[in-house]
């Protein structure tokens, strides 16, 4: 939907622009999977705790794993910082 793509009938798809932050994009992704029919809402959000559910939907799992993955793949500190830390200890 960039204003250049053409449908099979020859009509041009209009440009569709919007601004999303990460939170809105996650919510939209969860919602789209529900409407697509491939997931239930609780697959993304988890069941409400009031209903005896656990917050173990895709969003909660992602928020739990993201910092751990970032930590695993972040580059080590530069050698200078490591040497200075050793001297001050």
PDB file of N, CA and C in Angstrom:
ATOM      1  N   UNK A   1       0.830  -1.175   0.000  1.00  0.00           N
ATOM      2  CA  UNK A   1       0.000   0.000   0.000  1.00  0.00           C
ATOM      3  C   UNK A   1       0.880   1.245   0.000  1.00  0.00           C
ATOM      4  N   UNK A   2       1.621   1.389  -1.074  1.00  0.00           N
ATOM      5  CA  UNK A   2       2.555   2.503  -1.154  1.00  0.00           C
ATOM      6  C   UNK A   2       2.197   3.513  -2.242  1.00  0.00           C
ATOM      7  N   UNK A   3       1.035   3.355  -2.840  1.00  0.00           N
ATOM      8  CA  UNK A   3       0.633   4.284  -3.881  1.00  0.00           C
ATOM      9  C   UNK A   3       1.169   3.928  -5.250  1.00  0.00           C
ATOM     10  N   UNK A   4       1.934   2.822  -5.359  1.00  0.00           N
ATOM     11  CA  UNK A   4       2.489   2.405  -6.650  1.00  0.00           C
ATOM     12  C   UNK A   4       2.033   1.008  -7.043  1.00  0.00           C
ATOM     13  N   UNK A   5       1.711   0.172  -6.056  1.00  0.00           N
ATOM     14  CA  UNK A   5       1.292  -1.193  -6.363  1.00  0.00           C
ATOM     15  C   UNK A   5      -0.053  -1.183  -7.074  1.00  0.00           C
ATOM     16  N   UNK A   6      -0.219  -2.145  -7.983  1.00  0.00           N
ATOM     17  CA  UNK A   6      -1.431  -2.215  -8.799  1.00  0.00           C
ATOM     18  C   UNK A   6      -2.141  -3.534  -8.520  1.00  0.00           C
ATOM     19  N   UNK A   7      -3.452  -3.454  -8.291  1.00  0.00           N
ATOM     20  CA  UNK A   7      -4.262  -4.650  -8.095  1.00  0.00           C
ATOM     21  C   UNK A   7      -4.487  -5.341  -9.438  1.00  0.00           C
ATOM     22  N   UNK A   8      -4.940  -6.593  -9.419  1.00  0.00           N
ATOM     23  CA  UNK A   8      -5.195  -7.310 -10.670  1.00  0.00           C
ATOM     24  C   UNK A   8      -6.184  -6.600 -11.600  1.00  0.00           C
ATOM     25  N   UNK A   9      -7.089  -5.797 -11.035  1.00  0.00           N
ATOM     26  CA  UNK A   9      -8.047  -5.085 -11.892  1.00  0.00           C
ATOM     27  C   UNK A   9      -7.471  -3.792 -12.469  1.00  0.00           C
ATOM     28  N   UNK A  10      -6.204  -3.497 -12.144  1.00  0.00           N
ATOM     29  CA  UNK A  10      -5.546  -2.309 -12.691  1.00  0.00           C
ATOM     30  C   UNK A  10      -5.606  -1.088 -11.802  1.00  0.00           C
ATOM     31  N   UNK A  11      -6.357  -1.144 -10.717  1.00  0.00           N
ATOM     32  CA  UNK A  11      -6.438   0.019  -9.829  1.00  0.00           C
ATOM     33  C   UNK A  11      -5.183   0.107  -8.961  1.00  0.00           C
ATOM     34  N   UNK A  12      -4.770   1.332  -8.722  1.00  0.00           N
ATOM     35  CA  UNK A  12      -3.586   1.572  -7.906  1.00  0.00           C
ATOM     36  C   UNK A  12      -3.997   1.607  -6.446  1.00  0.00           C
ATOM     37  N   UNK A  13      -3.265   0.888  -5.620  1.00  0.00           N
ATOM     38  CA  UNK A  13      -3.533   0.907  -4.179  1.00  0.00           C
ATOM     39  C   UNK A  13      -3.065   2.236  -3.611  1.00  0.00           C
ATOM     40  N   UNK A  14      -3.913   2.872  -2.862  1.00  0.00           N
ATOM     41  CA  UNK A  14      -3.553   4.171  -2.295  1.00  0.00           C
ATOM     42  C   UNK A  14      -2.488   4.008  -1.216  1.00  0.00           C
ATOM     43  N   UNK A  15      -1.695   5.044  -1.063  1.00  0.00           N
ATOM     44  CA  UNK A  15      -0.660   5.024  -0.032  1.00  0.00           C
ATOM     45  C   UNK A  15      -1.329   5.037   1.337  1.00  0.00           C
ATOM     46  N   UNK A  16      -0.837   4.224   2.219  1.00  0.00           N
ATOM     47  CA  UNK A  16      -1.399   4.114   3.565  1.00  0.00           C
ATOM     48  C   UNK A  16      -0.264   4.351   4.555  1.00  0.00           C
ATOM     49  N   UNK A  17      -0.252   5.509   5.162  1.00  0.00           N
ATOM     50  CA  UNK A  17       0.826   5.847   6.086  1.00  0.00           C
ATOM     51  C   UNK A  17       0.260   6.073   7.478  1.00  0.00           C
ATOM     52  N   UNK A  18       1.040   5.671   8.453  1.00  0.00           N
ATOM     53  CA  UNK A  18       0.681   5.922   9.845  1.00  0.00           C
ATOM     54  C   UNK A  18       1.944   5.801  10.685  1.00  0.00           C
ATOM     55  N   UNK A  19       1.888   6.333  11.870  1.00  0.00           N
ATOM     56  CA  UNK A  19       3.032   6.235  12.761  1.00  0.00           C
ATOM     57  C   UNK A  19       2.676   5.296  13.905  1.00  0.00           C
ATOM     58  N   UNK A  20       3.564   4.381  14.162  1.00  0.00           N
ATOM     59  CA  UNK A  20       3.365   3.416  15.239  1.00  0.00           C
ATOM     60  C   UNK A  20       4.592   3.410  16.137  1.00  0.00           C
ATOM     61  N   UNK A  21       4.354   3.292  17.423  1.00  0.00           N
ATOM     62  CA  UNK A  21       5.475   2.994  18.300  1.00  0.00           C
ATOM     63  C   UNK A  21       5.458   1.480  18.513  1.00  0.00           C
ATOM     64  N   UNK A  22       6.425   0.943  19.224  1.00  0.00           N
ATOM     65  CA  UNK A  22       6.528  -0.492  19.374  1.00  0.00           C
ATOM     66  C   UNK A  22       5.303  -1.074  20.084  1.00  0.00           C
ATOM     67  N   UNK A  23       4.813  -0.404  21.097  1.00  0.00           N
ATOM     68  CA  UNK A  23       3.649  -0.896  21.838  1.00  0.00           C
ATOM     69  C   UNK A  23       2.424  -0.998  20.935  1.00  0.00           C
ATOM     70  N   UNK A  24       2.197   0.034  20.115  1.00  0.00           N
ATOM     71  CA  UNK A  24       1.055   0.010  19.199  1.00  0.00           C
ATOM     72  C   UNK A  24       1.231  -1.065  18.129  1.00  0.00           C
ATOM     73  N   UNK A  25       2.447  -1.253  17.652  1.00  0.00           N
ATOM     74  CA  UNK A  25       2.702  -2.273  16.636  1.00  0.00           C
ATOM     75  C   UNK A  25       2.455  -3.672  17.194  1.00  0.00           C
ATOM     76  N   UNK A  26       2.853  -3.919  18.438  1.00  0.00           N
ATOM     77  CA  UNK A  26       2.604  -5.219  19.064  1.00  0.00           C
ATOM     78  C   UNK A  26       1.102  -5.456  19.189  1.00  0.00           C
ATOM     79  N   UNK A  27       0.374  -4.445  19.674  1.00  0.00           N
ATOM     80  CA  UNK A  27      -1.078  -4.580  19.833  1.00  0.00           C
ATOM     81  C   UNK A  27      -1.749  -4.831  18.487  1.00  0.00           C
ATOM     82  N   UNK A  28      -1.307  -4.136  17.449  1.00  0.00           N
ATOM     83  CA  UNK A  28      -1.892  -4.325  16.124  1.00  0.00           C
ATOM     84  C   UNK A  28      -1.593  -5.720  15.586  1.00  0.00           C
ATOM     85  N   UNK A  29      -0.397  -6.208  15.843  1.00  0.00           N
ATOM     86  CA  UNK A  29      -0.029  -7.546  15.401  1.00  0.00           C
ATOM     87  C   UNK A  29      -0.904  -8.603  16.083  1.00  0.00           C
ATOM     88  N   UNK A  30      -1.114  -8.449  17.387  1.00  0.00           N
ATOM     89  CA  UNK A  30      -1.980  -9.385  18.115  1.00  0.00           C
ATOM     90  C   UNK A  30      -3.388  -9.351  17.536  1.00  0.00           C
ATOM     91  N   UNK A  31      -3.915  -8.157  17.344  1.00  0.00           N
ATOM     92  CA  UNK A  31      -5.277  -7.998  16.821  1.00  0.00           C
ATOM     93  C   UNK A  31      -5.407  -8.588  15.418  1.00  0.00           C
ATOM     94  N   UNK A  32      -4.423  -8.378  14.570  1.00  0.00           N
ATOM     95  CA  UNK A  32      -4.516  -8.864  13.195  1.00  0.00           C
ATOM     96  C   UNK A  32      -4.533 -10.383  13.144  1.00  0.00           C
ATOM     97  N   UNK A  33      -3.816 -11.032  14.045  1.00  0.00           N
ATOM     98  CA  UNK A  33      -3.807 -12.495  14.069  1.00  0.00           C
ATOM     99  C   UNK A  33      -5.149 -13.052  14.528  1.00  0.00           C
ATOM    100  N   UNK A  34      -5.831 -12.317  15.405  1.00  0.00           N
ATOM    101  CA  UNK A  34      -7.165 -12.742  15.835  1.00  0.00           C
ATOM    102  C   UNK A  34      -8.123 -12.661  14.649  1.00  0.00           C
ATOM    103  N   UNK A  35      -8.136 -11.532  13.949  1.00  0.00           N
ATOM    104  CA  UNK A  35      -9.036 -11.356  12.811  1.00  0.00           C
ATOM    105  C   UNK A  35      -8.693 -12.302  11.670  1.00  0.00           C
ATOM    106  N   UNK A  36      -7.426 -12.651  11.536  1.00  0.00           N
ATOM    107  CA  UNK A  36      -7.020 -13.599  10.503  1.00  0.00           C
ATOM    108  C   UNK A  36      -7.538 -14.997  10.807  1.00  0.00           C
ATOM    109  N   UNK A  37      -7.782 -15.252  12.093  1.00  0.00           N
ATOM    110  CA  UNK A  37      -8.331 -16.542  12.494  1.00  0.00           C
ATOM    111  C   UNK A  37      -7.277 -17.574  12.852  1.00  0.00           C
ATOM    112  N   UNK A  38      -6.046 -17.153  13.023  1.00  0.00           N
ATOM    113  CA  UNK A  38      -4.987 -18.109  13.343  1.00  0.00           C
ATOM    114  C   UNK A  38      -4.638 -18.121  14.832  1.00  0.00           C
ATOM    115  N   UNK A  39      -5.178 -17.186  15.611  1.00  0.00           N
ATOM    116  CA  UNK A  39      -4.910 -17.133  17.044  1.00  0.00           C
ATOM    117  C   UNK A  39      -6.147 -16.627  17.783  1.00  0.00           C
ATOM    118  N   UNK A  40      -6.187 -16.917  19.076  1.00  0.00           N
ATOM    119  CA  UNK A  40      -7.152 -16.317  19.981  1.00  0.00           C
ATOM    120  C   UNK A  40      -6.477 -15.124  20.628  1.00  0.00           C
ATOM    121  N   UNK A  41      -7.256 -14.212  21.167  1.00  0.00           N
ATOM    122  CA  UNK A  41      -6.678 -13.019  21.789  1.00  0.00           C
ATOM    123  C   UNK A  41      -5.730 -13.387  22.930  1.00  0.00           C
ATOM    124  N   UNK A  42      -6.066 -14.412  23.717  1.00  0.00           N
ATOM    125  CA  UNK A  42      -5.208 -14.763  24.840  1.00  0.00           C
ATOM    126  C   UNK A  42      -3.867 -15.337  24.387  1.00  0.00           C
ATOM    127  N   UNK A  43      -3.746 -15.748  23.126  1.00  0.00           N
ATOM    128  CA  UNK A  43      -2.440 -16.185  22.625  1.00  0.00           C
ATOM    129  C   UNK A  43      -1.440 -15.038  22.662  1.00  0.00           C
ATOM    130  N   UNK A  44      -1.917 -13.822  22.453  1.00  0.00           N
ATOM    131  CA  UNK A  44      -1.038 -12.658  22.469  1.00  0.00           C
ATOM    132  C   UNK A  44      -0.981 -11.971  23.813  1.00  0.00           C
ATOM    133  N   UNK A  45      -2.124 -11.908  24.481  1.00  0.00           N
ATOM    134  CA  UNK A  45      -2.210 -11.140  25.724  1.00  0.00           C
ATOM    135  C   UNK A  45      -2.107 -11.994  26.975  1.00  0.00           C
ATOM    136  N   UNK A  46      -2.414 -13.283  26.903  1.00  0.00           N
ATOM    137  CA  UNK A  46      -2.537 -14.108  28.099  1.00  0.00           C
ATOM    138  C   UNK A  46      -3.931 -13.939  28.665  1.00  0.00           C
ATOM    139  N   UNK A  47      -4.327 -14.818  29.550  1.00  0.00           N
ATOM    140  CA  UNK A  47      -5.641 -14.703  30.178  1.00  0.00           C
ATOM    141  C   UNK A  47      -5.583 -13.709  31.319  1.00  0.00           C
ATOM    142  N   UNK A  48      -6.654 -12.953  31.550  1.00  0.00           N
ATOM    143  CA  UNK A  48      -6.656 -12.028  32.684  1.00  0.00           C
ATOM    144  C   UNK A  48      -6.472 -12.786  34.002  1.00  0.00           C
ATOM    145  N   UNK A  49      -5.693 -12.224  34.895  1.00  0.00           N
ATOM    146  CA  UNK A  49      -5.452 -12.869  36.181  1.00  0.00           C
ATOM    147  C   UNK A  49      -6.742 -13.064  36.957  1.00  0.00           C
ATOM    148  N   UNK A  50      -7.708 -12.169  36.769  1.00  0.00           N
ATOM    149  CA  UNK A  50      -8.990 -12.278  37.464  1.00  0.00           C
ATOM    150  C   UNK A  50      -9.723 -13.556  37.073  1.00  0.00           C
ATOM    151  N   UNK A  51      -9.438 -14.092  35.901  1.00  0.00           N
ATOM    152  CA  UNK A  51     -10.086 -15.322  35.446  1.00  0.00           C
ATOM    153  C   UNK A  51      -9.216 -16.545  35.761  1.00  0.00           C
ATOM    154  N   UNK A  52      -8.225 -16.364  36.607  1.00  0.00           N
ATOM    155  CA  UNK A  52      -7.351 -17.475  36.962  1.00  0.00           C
ATOM    156  C   UNK A  52      -6.280 -17.757  35.933  1.00  0.00           C
ATOM    157  N   UNK A  53      -6.103 -16.838  35.006  1.00  0.00           N
ATOM    158  CA  UNK A  53      -5.113 -17.049  33.957  1.00  0.00           C
ATOM    159  C   UNK A  53      -3.736 -16.569  34.358  1.00  0.00           C
ATOM    160  N   UNK A  54      -2.797 -16.863  33.543  1.00  0.00           N
ATOM    161  CA  UNK A  54      -1.427 -16.403  33.733  1.00  0.00           C
ATOM    162  C   UNK A  54      -1.076 -15.437  32.612  1.00  0.00           C
ATOM    163  N   UNK A  55      -0.282 -14.415  32.909  1.00  0.00           N
ATOM    164  CA  UNK A  55       0.107 -13.479  31.840  1.00  0.00           C
ATOM    165  C   UNK A  55       1.194 -14.094  30.960  1.00  0.00           C
ATOM    166  N   UNK A  56       0.866 -15.187  30.294  1.00  0.00           N
ATOM    167  CA  UNK A  56       1.858 -15.900  29.501  1.00  0.00           C
ATOM    168  C   UNK A  56       1.565 -15.849  28.013  1.00  0.00           C
ATOM    169  N   UNK A  57       0.961 -14.780  27.556  1.00  0.00           N
ATOM    170  CA  UNK A  57       0.745 -14.635  26.129  1.00  0.00           C
ATOM    171  C   UNK A  57       2.051 -14.257  25.443  1.00  0.00           C
ATOM    172  N   UNK A  58       2.012 -14.144  24.145  1.00  0.00           N
ATOM    173  CA  UNK A  58       3.209 -13.824  23.375  1.00  0.00           C
ATOM    174  C   UNK A  58       3.872 -12.524  23.789  1.00  0.00           C
ATOM    175  N   UNK A  59       3.069 -11.522  24.148  1.00  0.00           N
ATOM    176  CA  UNK A  59       3.636 -10.231  24.553  1.00  0.00           C
ATOM    177  C   UNK A  59       4.448 -10.385  25.837  1.00  0.00           C
ATOM    178  N   UNK A  60       3.907 -11.060  26.847  1.00  0.00           N
ATOM    179  CA  UNK A  60       4.619 -11.224  28.120  1.00  0.00           C
ATOM    180  C   UNK A  60       5.891 -12.043  27.934  1.00  0.00           C
ATOM    181  N   UNK A  61       5.817 -13.075  27.120  1.00  0.00           N
ATOM    182  CA  UNK A  61       7.009 -13.889  26.872  1.00  0.00           C
ATOM    183  C   UNK A  61       8.063 -13.069  26.153  1.00  0.00           C
ATOM    184  N   UNK A  62       7.641 -12.274  25.173  1.00  0.00           N
ATOM    185  CA  UNK A  62       8.585 -11.414  24.448  1.00  0.00           C
ATOM    186  C   UNK A  62       9.233 -10.382  25.340  1.00  0.00           C
ATOM    187  N   UNK A  63       8.423  -9.767  26.233  1.00  0.00           N
ATOM    188  CA  UNK A  63       8.982  -8.772  27.151  1.00  0.00           C
ATOM    189  C   UNK A  63       9.934  -9.406  28.148  1.00  0.00           C
ATOM    190  N   UNK A  64       9.727 -10.665  28.482  1.00  0.00           N
ATOM    191  CA  UNK A  64      10.634 -11.374  29.376  1.00  0.00           C
ATOM    192  C   UNK A  64      11.940 -11.740  28.658  1.00  0.00           C
ATOM    193  N   UNK A  65      11.821 -12.199  27.416  1.00  0.00           N
ATOM    194  CA  UNK A  65      12.995 -12.680  26.689  1.00  0.00           C
ATOM    195  C   UNK A  65      13.842 -11.573  26.071  1.00  0.00           C
ATOM    196  N   UNK A  66      13.237 -10.469  25.669  1.00  0.00           N
ATOM    197  CA  UNK A  66      13.966  -9.422  24.946  1.00  0.00           C
ATOM    198  C   UNK A  66      15.203  -8.935  25.686  1.00  0.00           C
ATOM    199  N   UNK A  67      15.144  -8.592  26.989  1.00  0.00           N
ATOM    200  CA  UNK A  67      16.354  -8.135  27.670  1.00  0.00           C
ATOM    201  C   UNK A  67      17.430  -9.221  27.758  1.00  0.00           C
ATOM    202  N   UNK A  68      17.010 -10.467  27.897  1.00  0.00           N
ATOM    203  CA  UNK A  68      17.975 -11.560  27.979  1.00  0.00           C
ATOM    204  C   UNK A  68      18.695 -11.750  26.641  1.00  0.00           C
ATOM    205  N   UNK A  69      17.945 -11.647  25.556  1.00  0.00           N
ATOM    206  CA  UNK A  69      18.546 -11.780  24.227  1.00  0.00           C
ATOM    207  C   UNK A  69      19.466 -10.603  23.955  1.00  0.00           C
ATOM    208  N   UNK A  70      19.014  -9.400  24.318  1.00  0.00           N
ATOM    209  CA  UNK A  70      19.843  -8.206  24.124  1.00  0.00           C
ATOM    210  C   UNK A  70      21.167  -8.356  24.875  1.00  0.00           C
ATOM    211  N   UNK A  71      21.094  -8.866  26.096  1.00  0.00           N
ATOM    212  CA  UNK A  71      22.293  -9.050  26.917  1.00  0.00           C
ATOM    213  C   UNK A  71      23.253 -10.052  26.269  1.00  0.00           C
ATOM    214  N   UNK A  72      22.710 -11.116  25.708  1.00  0.00           N
ATOM    215  CA  UNK A  72      23.549 -12.140  25.071  1.00  0.00           C
ATOM    216  C   UNK A  72      24.266 -11.621  23.835  1.00  0.00           C
ATOM    217  N   UNK A  73      23.616 -10.724  23.103  1.00  0.00           N
ATOM    218  CA  UNK A  73      24.175 -10.277  21.839  1.00  0.00           C
ATOM    219  C   UNK A  73      24.784  -8.884  21.886  1.00  0.00           C
ATOM    220  N   UNK A  74      24.804  -8.255  23.048  1.00  0.00           N
ATOM    221  CA  UNK A  74      25.417  -6.928  23.110  1.00  0.00           C
ATOM    222  C   UNK A  74      26.932  -7.090  23.121  1.00  0.00           C
ATOM    223  N   UNK A  75      27.634  -6.181  22.486  1.00  0.00           N
ATOM    224  CA  UNK A  75      29.096  -6.307  22.406  1.00  0.00           C
ATOM    225  C   UNK A  75      29.722  -6.117  23.786  1.00  0.00           C
ATOM    226  N   UNK A  76      30.872  -6.739  24.011  1.00  0.00           N
ATOM    227  CA  UNK A  76      31.558  -6.556  25.297  1.00  0.00           C
ATOM    228  C   UNK A  76      32.034  -5.117  25.436  1.00  0.00           C
ATOM    229  N   UNK A  77      32.255  -4.651  26.662  1.00  0.00           N
ATOM    230  CA  UNK A  77      32.729  -3.278  26.844  1.00  0.00           C
ATOM    231  C   UNK A  77      34.124  -3.116  26.260  1.00  0.00           C
ATOM    232  N   UNK A  78      34.486  -1.907  25.845  1.00  0.00           N
ATOM    233  CA  UNK A  78      35.832  -1.673  25.315  1.00  0.00           C
ATOM    234  C   UNK A  78      36.891  -2.033  26.364  1.00  0.00           C
ATOM    235  N   UNK A  79      38.064  -2.379  25.902  1.00  0.00           N
ATOM    236  CA  UNK A  79      39.146  -2.833  26.785  1.00  0.00           C
ATOM    237  C   UNK A  79      39.525  -1.765  27.800  1.00  0.00           C
ATOM    238  N   UNK A  80      39.510  -0.472  27.444  1.00  0.00           N
ATOM    239  CA  UNK A  80      39.887   0.604  28.358  1.00  0.00           C
ATOM    240  C   UNK A  80      38.983   0.625  29.586  1.00  0.00           C
ATOM    241  N   UNK A  81      37.675   0.510  29.377  1.00  0.00           N
ATOM    242  CA  UNK A  81      36.744   0.547  30.495  1.00  0.00           C
ATOM    243  C   UNK A  81      36.991  -0.621  31.442  1.00  0.00           C
ATOM    244  N   UNK A  82      37.291  -1.782  30.888  1.00  0.00           N
ATOM    245  CA  UNK A  82      37.553  -2.957  31.708  1.00  0.00           C
ATOM    246  C   UNK A  82      38.794  -2.739  32.560  1.00  0.00           C
ATOM    247  N   UNK A  83      39.860  -2.177  31.983  1.00  0.00           N
ATOM    248  CA  UNK A  83      41.099  -1.939  32.723  1.00  0.00           C
ATOM    249  C   UNK A  83      40.879  -0.928  33.847  1.00  0.00           C
ATOM    250  N   UNK A  84      40.116   0.128  33.575  1.00  0.00           N
ATOM    251  CA  UNK A  84      39.862   1.149  34.599  1.00  0.00           C
ATOM    252  C   UNK A  84      39.050   0.561  35.745  1.00  0.00           C
ATOM    253  N   UNK A  85      38.084  -0.290  35.443  1.00  0.00           N
ATOM    254  CA  UNK A  85      37.289  -0.904  36.487  1.00  0.00           C
ATOM    255  C   UNK A  85      38.163  -1.797  37.377  1.00  0.00           C
ATOM    256  N   UNK A  86      39.113  -2.526  36.791  1.00  0.00           N
ATOM    257  CA  UNK A  86      39.994  -3.391  37.554  1.00  0.00           C
ATOM    258  C   UNK A  86      40.877  -2.578  38.502  1.00  0.00           C
ATOM    259  N   UNK A  87      41.333  -1.399  38.072  1.00  0.00           N
ATOM    260  CA  UNK A  87      42.205  -0.576  38.906  1.00  0.00           C
ATOM    261  C   UNK A  87      41.467   0.003  40.097  1.00  0.00           C
ATOM    262  N   UNK A  88      40.192   0.348  39.911  1.00  0.00           N
ATOM    263  CA  UNK A  88      39.453   0.988  41.001  1.00  0.00           C
ATOM    264  C   UNK A  88      38.944  -0.009  42.038  1.00  0.00           C
ATOM    265  N   UNK A  89      38.943  -1.269  41.710  1.00  0.00           N
ATOM    266  CA  UNK A  89      38.416  -2.283  42.646  1.00  0.00           C
ATOM    267  C   UNK A  89      39.384  -2.662  43.695  1.00  0.00           C
TER     268      UNK A  89
END
